[in-house]
Amino acid sequence: MDSTLPPCPHCSCEYTYELGALLVCPECAHEWSPGDGASDDGPAGSGVDAEVRDAVGNVLADGDTVTVVKTLKVKGNATGIKAGTKVRNIRLVEPVNGHDIDCKVDGFGPMQLKSSVVKKA
């Protein structure tokens, strides 16, 4: 019976199952409605359908370099990320609690940022 369900559009897992009106992937916990499955980008795409804009309205893309526009507090670090810090090679992802950029910040490591606190460099 599982062979009639489509694979997960994010991780291509073939063990999807129905939960009410949604389909659910047990590996990545992605949920989608059966009609939406064909329109997702899948694992090769960035997963972001709408344009992501920075604090001043510029459209961001994968691989861009951005500058932090205000000082950000970081849990477990006394100093935080100072305004003016450049972040290279960003990756746009589906928003998780408003954080739609994956990146590595020098001195802090990998983290997620909101597009509203950066501007395109």
Protein backbone atom coordinates (compact mmCIF):
# COMPACT_ATOMS: atom_id res chain seq x y z
CA MET A 1 0.00 0.00 0.00
CA ASP A 2 2.89 2.41 0.69
CA SER A 3 4.08 2.05 -2.92
CA THR A 4 1.13 4.19 -4.10
CA LEU A 5 2.23 7.19 -2.00
CA PRO A 6 4.76 9.61 -3.55
CA PRO A 7 8.26 9.90 -2.05
CA CYS A 8 9.17 12.85 0.17
CA PRO A 9 9.88 15.97 -1.96
CA HIS A 10 12.70 17.05 0.40
CA CYS A 11 14.72 13.90 1.07
CA SER A 12 13.23 11.42 -1.45
CA CYS A 13 12.38 8.95 1.31
CA GLU A 14 10.01 6.29 -0.02
CA TYR A 15 8.46 5.44 3.37
CA THR A 16 5.92 8.28 3.49
CA TYR A 17 2.62 7.76 5.26
CA GLU A 18 -0.74 9.49 5.53
CA LEU A 19 -1.71 11.47 8.62
CA GLY A 20 -5.21 12.80 8.12
CA ALA A 21 -5.17 14.98 5.00
CA LEU A 22 -1.35 15.27 4.95
CA LEU A 23 1.51 13.08 3.84
CA VAL A 24 4.41 12.76 6.31
CA CYS A 25 8.05 11.71 5.87
CA PRO A 26 9.36 9.65 8.81
CA GLU A 27 13.01 10.55 8.10
CA CYS A 28 12.91 14.36 7.82
CA ALA A 29 9.44 15.01 9.37
CA HIS A 30 8.36 17.05 6.34
CA GLU A 31 4.58 17.36 5.96
CA TRP A 32 2.76 18.24 2.74
CA SER A 33 -0.64 17.85 1.18
CA PRO A 34 -0.87 15.32 -1.67
CA GLY A 35 -1.62 18.03 -4.24
CA ASP A 36 1.49 20.05 -3.28
CA GLY A 37 4.04 17.25 -3.65
CA ALA A 38 4.68 17.77 -7.35
CA SER A 39 5.34 21.51 -6.99
CA ASP A 40 8.12 21.27 -4.39
CA ASP A 41 11.69 21.77 -5.56
CA GLY A 42 12.91 18.53 -4.01
CA PRO A 43 16.38 17.85 -2.63
CA ALA A 44 18.19 19.45 -5.57
CA GLY A 45 16.40 22.81 -5.20
CA SER A 46 16.79 25.29 -2.39
CA GLY A 47 13.24 24.66 -1.15
CA VAL A 48 12.47 28.37 -1.13
CA ASP A 49 9.58 29.33 -3.43
CA ALA A 50 9.22 33.07 -2.70
CA GLU A 51 11.92 35.71 -3.08
CA VAL A 52 13.95 36.34 0.05
CA ARG A 53 14.75 40.01 0.58
CA ASP A 54 17.28 41.62 2.90
CA ALA A 55 16.69 44.49 5.35
CA VAL A 56 16.75 47.12 2.58
CA GLY A 57 14.75 45.18 -0.01
CA ASN A 58 17.45 43.60 -2.19
CA VAL A 59 16.70 40.07 -3.45
CA LEU A 60 19.06 37.48 -1.95
CA ALA A 61 20.32 34.32 -3.67
CA ASP A 62 22.40 31.29 -2.69
CA GLY A 63 26.11 32.13 -2.54
CA ASP A 64 25.68 35.85 -1.86
CA THR A 65 27.80 37.80 0.60
CA VAL A 66 25.83 39.77 3.19
CA THR A 67 26.64 42.22 5.98
CA VAL A 68 24.96 42.09 9.41
CA VAL A 69 23.17 45.42 9.98
CA LYS A 70 22.76 45.27 13.76
CA THR A 71 24.55 43.60 16.66
CA LEU A 72 23.10 40.15 17.37
CA LYS A 73 23.18 38.30 20.67
CA VAL A 74 24.34 34.69 20.46
CA LYS A 75 23.49 32.15 23.14
CA GLY A 76 26.58 30.93 24.95
CA ASN A 77 28.76 33.81 23.76
CA ALA A 78 29.38 37.03 25.65
CA THR A 79 30.19 39.24 22.65
CA GLY A 80 27.70 38.32 19.93
CA ILE A 81 27.91 39.17 16.24
CA LYS A 82 28.76 42.83 15.72
CA ALA A 83 27.11 45.05 13.14
CA GLY A 84 29.19 45.21 9.96
CA THR A 85 30.31 41.57 10.10
CA LYS A 86 30.50 40.08 6.59
CA VAL A 87 29.06 36.63 6.01
CA ARG A 88 30.08 34.90 2.79
CA ASN A 89 28.40 32.14 0.78
CA ILE A 90 24.93 32.14 2.34
CA ARG A 91 22.38 29.43 1.62
CA LEU A 92 18.65 30.16 1.53
CA VAL A 93 16.42 27.61 3.28
CA GLU A 94 12.78 27.28 4.24
CA PRO A 95 12.11 29.56 7.22
CA VAL A 96 12.40 27.98 10.67
CA ASN A 97 11.10 30.45 13.28
CA GLY A 98 11.83 33.25 10.82
CA HIS A 99 15.45 32.19 10.18
CA ASP A 100 15.75 31.74 6.42
CA ILE A 101 19.54 31.90 5.88
CA ASP A 102 22.06 29.15 6.67
CA CYS A 103 25.66 30.34 6.90
CA LYS A 104 29.00 30.14 8.68
CA VAL A 105 30.00 33.23 10.63
CA ASP A 106 33.74 33.62 11.24
CA GLY A 107 34.47 33.09 14.93
CA PHE A 108 31.02 31.62 15.65
CA GLY A 109 30.57 28.69 13.25
CA PRO A 110 27.43 27.51 11.45
CA MET A 111 24.17 29.23 12.31
CA GLN A 112 20.89 30.51 10.92
CA LEU A 113 20.08 34.20 10.42
CA LYS A 114 16.98 36.16 9.56
CA SER A 115 17.06 38.01 6.27
CA SER A 116 15.72 41.08 8.08
CA VAL A 117 19.05 41.61 9.91
CA VAL A 118 21.37 41.46 6.88
CA LYS A 119 21.95 43.49 3.74
CA LYS A 120 23.51 42.39 0.50
CA ALA A 121 27.17 43.38 0.26
